[in-house]
Amino acid sequence: MSPAIKYTFGRIGLFVIVFVALSPTPLNILVKAMVAFVASAGLSFLLLRKWRDEMAEQLGTISAKRTAEKDRLRSALAGDEDAAAAGDRVVAADSAEKAPDARS
């Protein structure tokens, strides 16, 4: 499961737990939701650190790949064939890693 999905479900789960814990209190439902939102944010900062770090690492990797691809495309459009060819080799290597093995 993707780290972003795990973290999102963890945040939603914490919100639901806090909201249910507040259900016996005689507060308006919107006040309960606001308190649950703030409390779940604080709890997620403490309890979901590992998942948050995994998600940040995944997003950083994706961002670096997009930046490299953008630079490669800009080089190709500017006419720098050497940089574009080097980028094509990197893209080919990335897609070879993601492609399933045909021999299986």
N, C-alpha and C. Protein backbone atom coordinates (compact mmCIF):
# COMPACT_ATOMS: atom_id res chain seq x y z
N MET A 1 0.85 -1.17 0.00
CA MET A 1 0.00 0.00 0.00
C MET A 1 0.89 1.23 0.00
N SER A 2 0.48 2.22 -0.73
CA SER A 2 1.23 3.46 -0.85
C SER A 2 1.32 4.17 0.50
N PRO A 3 2.48 4.76 0.81
CA PRO A 3 2.61 5.49 2.07
C PRO A 3 1.61 6.64 2.20
N ALA A 4 1.28 7.28 1.10
CA ALA A 4 0.31 8.38 1.14
C ALA A 4 -1.07 7.87 1.52
N ILE A 5 -1.43 6.72 1.03
CA ILE A 5 -2.75 6.14 1.36
C ILE A 5 -2.78 5.69 2.81
N LYS A 6 -1.68 5.06 3.28
CA LYS A 6 -1.63 4.65 4.68
C LYS A 6 -1.76 5.85 5.61
N TYR A 7 -1.03 6.91 5.31
CA TYR A 7 -1.07 8.10 6.16
C TYR A 7 -2.45 8.74 6.14
N THR A 8 -3.06 8.82 4.97
CA THR A 8 -4.40 9.41 4.85
C THR A 8 -5.41 8.61 5.66
N PHE A 9 -5.38 7.29 5.52
CA PHE A 9 -6.31 6.47 6.29
C PHE A 9 -6.02 6.56 7.78
N GLY A 10 -4.75 6.70 8.15
CA GLY A 10 -4.41 6.88 9.56
C GLY A 10 -4.98 8.17 10.11
N ARG A 11 -4.87 9.25 9.34
CA ARG A 11 -5.43 10.54 9.77
C ARG A 11 -6.95 10.45 9.91
N ILE A 12 -7.60 9.83 8.94
CA ILE A 12 -9.06 9.69 8.99
C ILE A 12 -9.46 8.83 10.18
N GLY A 13 -8.72 7.75 10.42
CA GLY A 13 -9.00 6.88 11.55
C GLY A 13 -8.87 7.59 12.88
N LEU A 14 -7.82 8.40 13.02
CA LEU A 14 -7.66 9.16 14.27
C LEU A 14 -8.81 10.16 14.45
N PHE A 15 -9.23 10.80 13.37
CA PHE A 15 -10.34 11.73 13.45
C PHE A 15 -11.61 11.01 13.93
N VAL A 16 -11.89 9.86 13.34
CA VAL A 16 -13.10 9.11 13.71
C VAL A 16 -13.03 8.66 15.17
N ILE A 17 -11.86 8.20 15.61
CA ILE A 17 -11.72 7.74 16.99
C ILE A 17 -11.97 8.89 17.97
N VAL A 18 -11.38 10.05 17.69
CA VAL A 18 -11.57 11.20 18.58
C VAL A 18 -13.02 11.67 18.52
N PHE A 19 -13.61 11.69 17.33
CA PHE A 19 -14.99 12.13 17.19
C PHE A 19 -15.94 11.21 17.97
N VAL A 20 -15.72 9.90 17.88
CA VAL A 20 -16.56 8.94 18.61
C VAL A 20 -16.34 9.10 20.12
N ALA A 21 -15.10 9.37 20.53
CA ALA A 21 -14.82 9.57 21.95
C ALA A 21 -15.53 10.81 22.49
N LEU A 22 -15.76 11.79 21.62
CA LEU A 22 -16.45 13.01 22.03
C LEU A 22 -17.97 12.90 21.95
N SER A 23 -18.48 11.80 21.43
CA SER A 23 -19.94 11.68 21.22
C SER A 23 -20.76 11.80 22.50
N PRO A 24 -20.30 11.34 23.67
CA PRO A 24 -21.15 11.50 24.86
C PRO A 24 -21.20 12.93 25.40
N THR A 25 -20.34 13.80 24.94
CA THR A 25 -20.32 15.17 25.46
C THR A 25 -21.49 15.97 24.88
N PRO A 26 -22.02 16.92 25.63
CA PRO A 26 -23.18 17.69 25.17
C PRO A 26 -22.80 18.90 24.30
N LEU A 27 -21.95 18.66 23.31
CA LEU A 27 -21.54 19.74 22.42
C LEU A 27 -22.27 19.63 21.09
N ASN A 28 -22.31 20.74 20.38
CA ASN A 28 -22.85 20.76 19.03
C ASN A 28 -21.98 19.86 18.15
N ILE A 29 -22.58 19.24 17.14
CA ILE A 29 -21.84 18.31 16.29
C ILE A 29 -20.70 19.00 15.55
N LEU A 30 -20.88 20.25 15.16
CA LEU A 30 -19.81 20.97 14.48
C LEU A 30 -18.65 21.28 15.42
N VAL A 31 -18.95 21.58 16.67
CA VAL A 31 -17.90 21.81 17.66
C VAL A 31 -17.14 20.50 17.90
N LYS A 32 -17.85 19.39 17.99
CA LYS A 32 -17.20 18.09 18.15
C LYS A 32 -16.28 17.80 16.97
N ALA A 33 -16.74 18.12 15.76
CA ALA A 33 -15.93 17.88 14.57
C ALA A 33 -14.67 18.75 14.57
N MET A 34 -14.81 20.00 14.97
CA MET A 34 -13.64 20.89 15.02
C MET A 34 -12.64 20.42 16.07
N VAL A 35 -13.14 20.03 17.24
CA VAL A 35 -12.25 19.54 18.30
C VAL A 35 -11.58 18.24 17.85
N ALA A 36 -12.33 17.37 17.22
CA ALA A 36 -11.78 16.11 16.72
C ALA A 36 -10.72 16.36 15.66
N PHE A 37 -10.96 17.35 14.80
CA PHE A 37 -10.00 17.68 13.75
C PHE A 37 -8.68 18.17 14.34
N VAL A 38 -8.76 19.08 15.27
CA VAL A 38 -7.55 19.63 15.89
C VAL A 38 -6.82 18.55 16.70
N ALA A 39 -7.58 17.78 17.47
CA ALA A 39 -6.96 16.73 18.29
C ALA A 39 -6.32 15.65 17.41
N SER A 40 -7.00 15.27 16.34
CA SER A 40 -6.44 14.23 15.47
C SER A 40 -5.19 14.74 14.74
N ALA A 41 -5.14 16.04 14.45
CA ALA A 41 -3.93 16.60 13.83
C ALA A 41 -2.75 16.50 14.79
N GLY A 42 -2.98 16.85 16.04
CA GLY A 42 -1.91 16.74 17.04
C GLY A 42 -1.48 15.30 17.27
N LEU A 43 -2.46 14.41 17.37
CA LEU A 43 -2.14 13.00 17.58
C LEU A 43 -1.41 12.40 16.38
N SER A 44 -1.80 12.80 15.18
CA SER A 44 -1.13 12.26 14.00
C SER A 44 0.31 12.74 13.93
N PHE A 45 0.57 13.96 14.42
CA PHE A 45 1.94 14.45 14.45
C PHE A 45 2.80 13.56 15.34
N LEU A 46 2.24 13.06 16.41
CA LEU A 46 2.98 12.21 17.34
C LEU A 46 2.97 10.74 16.95
N LEU A 47 1.81 10.24 16.53
CA LEU A 47 1.64 8.80 16.33
C LEU A 47 1.97 8.31 14.92
N LEU A 48 1.83 9.16 13.93
CA LEU A 48 1.99 8.73 12.54
C LEU A 48 3.27 9.26 11.90
N ARG A 49 4.28 9.50 12.71
CA ARG A 49 5.52 10.08 12.19
C ARG A 49 6.18 9.19 11.13
N LYS A 50 6.23 7.90 11.37
CA LYS A 50 6.88 6.98 10.43
C LYS A 50 6.18 7.03 9.07
N TRP A 51 4.86 6.96 9.07
CA TRP A 51 4.11 6.98 7.82
C TRP A 51 4.27 8.33 7.12
N ARG A 52 4.30 9.41 7.89
CA ARG A 52 4.47 10.75 7.30
C ARG A 52 5.84 10.87 6.65
N ASP A 53 6.87 10.33 7.30
CA ASP A 53 8.21 10.38 6.73
C ASP A 53 8.31 9.53 5.46
N GLU A 54 7.66 8.37 5.46
CA GLU A 54 7.65 7.52 4.26
C GLU A 54 6.95 8.24 3.11
N MET A 55 5.83 8.90 3.41
CA MET A 55 5.10 9.63 2.39
C MET A 55 5.94 10.78 1.84
N ALA A 56 6.62 11.50 2.72
CA ALA A 56 7.46 12.62 2.28
C ALA A 56 8.60 12.13 1.40
N GLU A 57 9.18 10.98 1.75
CA GLU A 57 10.26 10.42 0.93
C GLU A 57 9.74 10.02 -0.45
N GLN A 58 8.56 9.40 -0.48
CA GLN A 58 7.98 9.00 -1.75
C GLN A 58 7.68 10.22 -2.62
N LEU A 59 7.11 11.26 -2.02
CA LEU A 59 6.78 12.46 -2.78
C LEU A 59 8.06 13.17 -3.25
N GLY A 60 9.11 13.14 -2.45
CA GLY A 60 10.39 13.73 -2.86
C GLY A 60 10.99 13.00 -4.04
N THR A 61 10.90 11.68 -4.04
CA THR A 61 11.41 10.89 -5.15
C THR A 61 10.65 11.19 -6.43
N ILE A 62 9.33 11.26 -6.31
CA ILE A 62 8.50 11.56 -7.48
C ILE A 62 8.82 12.96 -8.00
N SER A 63 9.00 13.90 -7.10
CA SER A 63 9.31 15.27 -7.51
C SER A 63 10.66 15.34 -8.22
N ALA A 64 11.65 14.61 -7.72
CA ALA A 64 12.97 14.60 -8.35
C ALA A 64 12.90 14.01 -9.76
N LYS A 65 12.12 12.94 -9.93
CA LYS A 65 11.97 12.34 -11.25
C LYS A 65 11.28 13.31 -12.21
N ARG A 66 10.25 14.01 -11.74
CA ARG A 66 9.56 14.97 -12.59
C ARG A 66 10.47 16.12 -12.98
N THR A 67 11.28 16.59 -12.04
CA THR A 67 12.20 17.68 -12.33
C THR A 67 13.24 17.24 -13.37
N ALA A 68 13.76 16.03 -13.22
CA ALA A 68 14.73 15.51 -14.18
C ALA A 68 14.10 15.38 -15.57
N GLU A 69 12.87 14.88 -15.62
CA GLU A 69 12.18 14.74 -16.90
C GLU A 69 11.91 16.10 -17.53
N LYS A 70 11.52 17.07 -16.70
CA LYS A 70 11.27 18.42 -17.21
C LYS A 70 12.54 19.02 -17.77
N ASP A 71 13.67 18.84 -17.07
CA ASP A 71 14.95 19.36 -17.55
C ASP A 71 15.35 18.69 -18.87
N ARG A 72 15.11 17.39 -18.95
CA ARG A 72 15.42 16.66 -20.18
C ARG A 72 14.60 17.19 -21.34
N LEU A 73 13.31 17.40 -21.12
CA LEU A 73 12.45 17.91 -22.19
C LEU A 73 12.84 19.33 -22.59
N ARG A 74 13.19 20.17 -21.60
CA ARG A 74 13.63 21.53 -21.93
C ARG A 74 14.92 21.50 -22.75
N SER A 75 15.84 20.60 -22.41
CA SER A 75 17.08 20.47 -23.18
C SER A 75 16.79 20.03 -24.60
N ALA A 76 15.86 19.08 -24.75
CA ALA A 76 15.50 18.60 -26.08
C ALA A 76 14.86 19.72 -26.90
N LEU A 77 14.01 20.50 -26.27
CA LEU A 77 13.37 21.60 -26.99
C LEU A 77 14.35 22.71 -27.33
N ALA A 78 15.38 22.89 -26.50
CA ALA A 78 16.37 23.93 -26.74
C ALA A 78 17.40 23.48 -27.78
N GLY A 79 17.39 22.21 -28.14
CA GLY A 79 18.30 21.72 -29.16
C GLY A 79 19.56 21.09 -28.61
N ASP A 80 19.67 20.90 -27.33
CA ASP A 80 20.83 20.25 -26.72
C ASP A 80 20.63 18.74 -26.82
N GLU A 81 21.11 18.18 -27.93
CA GLU A 81 20.85 16.76 -28.21
C GLU A 81 21.59 15.83 -27.25
N ASP A 82 22.77 16.23 -26.77
CA ASP A 82 23.53 15.37 -25.86
C ASP A 82 22.79 15.19 -24.53
N ALA A 83 22.29 16.27 -23.97
CA ALA A 83 21.55 16.19 -22.70
C ALA A 83 20.25 15.44 -22.89
N ALA A 84 19.59 15.66 -24.02
CA ALA A 84 18.34 14.96 -24.28
C ALA A 84 18.57 13.47 -24.44
N ALA A 85 19.67 13.09 -25.12
CA ALA A 85 19.99 11.67 -25.30
C ALA A 85 20.34 11.02 -23.96
N ALA A 86 21.06 11.74 -23.11
CA ALA A 86 21.38 11.20 -21.78
C ALA A 86 20.10 11.01 -20.98
N GLY A 87 19.19 11.94 -21.10
CA GLY A 87 17.91 11.82 -20.41
C GLY A 87 17.09 10.66 -20.94
N ASP A 88 17.17 10.42 -22.25
CA ASP A 88 16.45 9.29 -22.83
C ASP A 88 16.96 7.98 -22.28
N ARG A 89 18.27 7.90 -22.05
CA ARG A 89 18.83 6.67 -21.47
C ARG A 89 18.33 6.47 -20.04
N VAL A 90 18.21 7.55 -19.29
CA VAL A 90 17.71 7.46 -17.91
C VAL A 90 16.25 7.04 -17.92
N VAL A 91 15.45 7.63 -18.82
CA VAL A 91 14.03 7.28 -18.91
C VAL A 91 13.88 5.82 -19.32
N ALA A 92 14.70 5.36 -20.27
CA ALA A 92 14.63 3.96 -20.70
C ALA A 92 14.99 3.03 -19.55
N ALA A 93 15.98 3.40 -18.75
CA ALA A 93 16.37 2.56 -17.62
C ALA A 93 15.27 2.53 -16.57
N ASP A 94 14.61 3.67 -16.32
CA ASP A 94 13.51 3.71 -15.36
C ASP A 94 12.35 2.84 -15.81
N SER A 95 12.01 2.90 -17.11
CA SER A 95 10.88 2.12 -17.57
C SER A 95 11.24 0.62 -17.63
N ALA A 96 12.51 0.29 -17.82
CA ALA A 96 12.92 -1.11 -17.79
C ALA A 96 12.81 -1.68 -16.38
N GLU A 97 13.07 -0.84 -15.37
CA GLU A 97 12.93 -1.29 -13.99
C GLU A 97 11.48 -1.53 -13.62
N LYS A 98 10.58 -0.73 -14.16
CA LYS A 98 9.16 -0.84 -13.82
C LYS A 98 8.45 -1.93 -14.60
N ALA A 99 8.95 -2.28 -15.80
CA ALA A 99 8.30 -3.27 -16.65
C ALA A 99 8.46 -4.66 -16.03
N PRO A 100 7.39 -5.46 -16.09
CA PRO A 100 7.49 -6.84 -15.57
C PRO A 100 8.39 -7.66 -16.47
N ASP A 101 9.03 -8.65 -15.89
CA ASP A 101 9.94 -9.51 -16.62
C ASP A 101 9.15 -10.37 -17.59
N ALA A 102 9.46 -10.31 -18.87
CA ALA A 102 8.71 -11.04 -19.89
C ALA A 102 9.04 -12.52 -19.86
N ARG A 103 10.17 -12.92 -19.26
CA ARG A 103 10.57 -14.32 -19.24
C ARG A 103 9.75 -15.15 -18.25
N SER A 104 9.05 -14.53 -17.33
CA SER A 104 8.30 -15.26 -16.30
C SER A 104 7.09 -15.91 -16.86
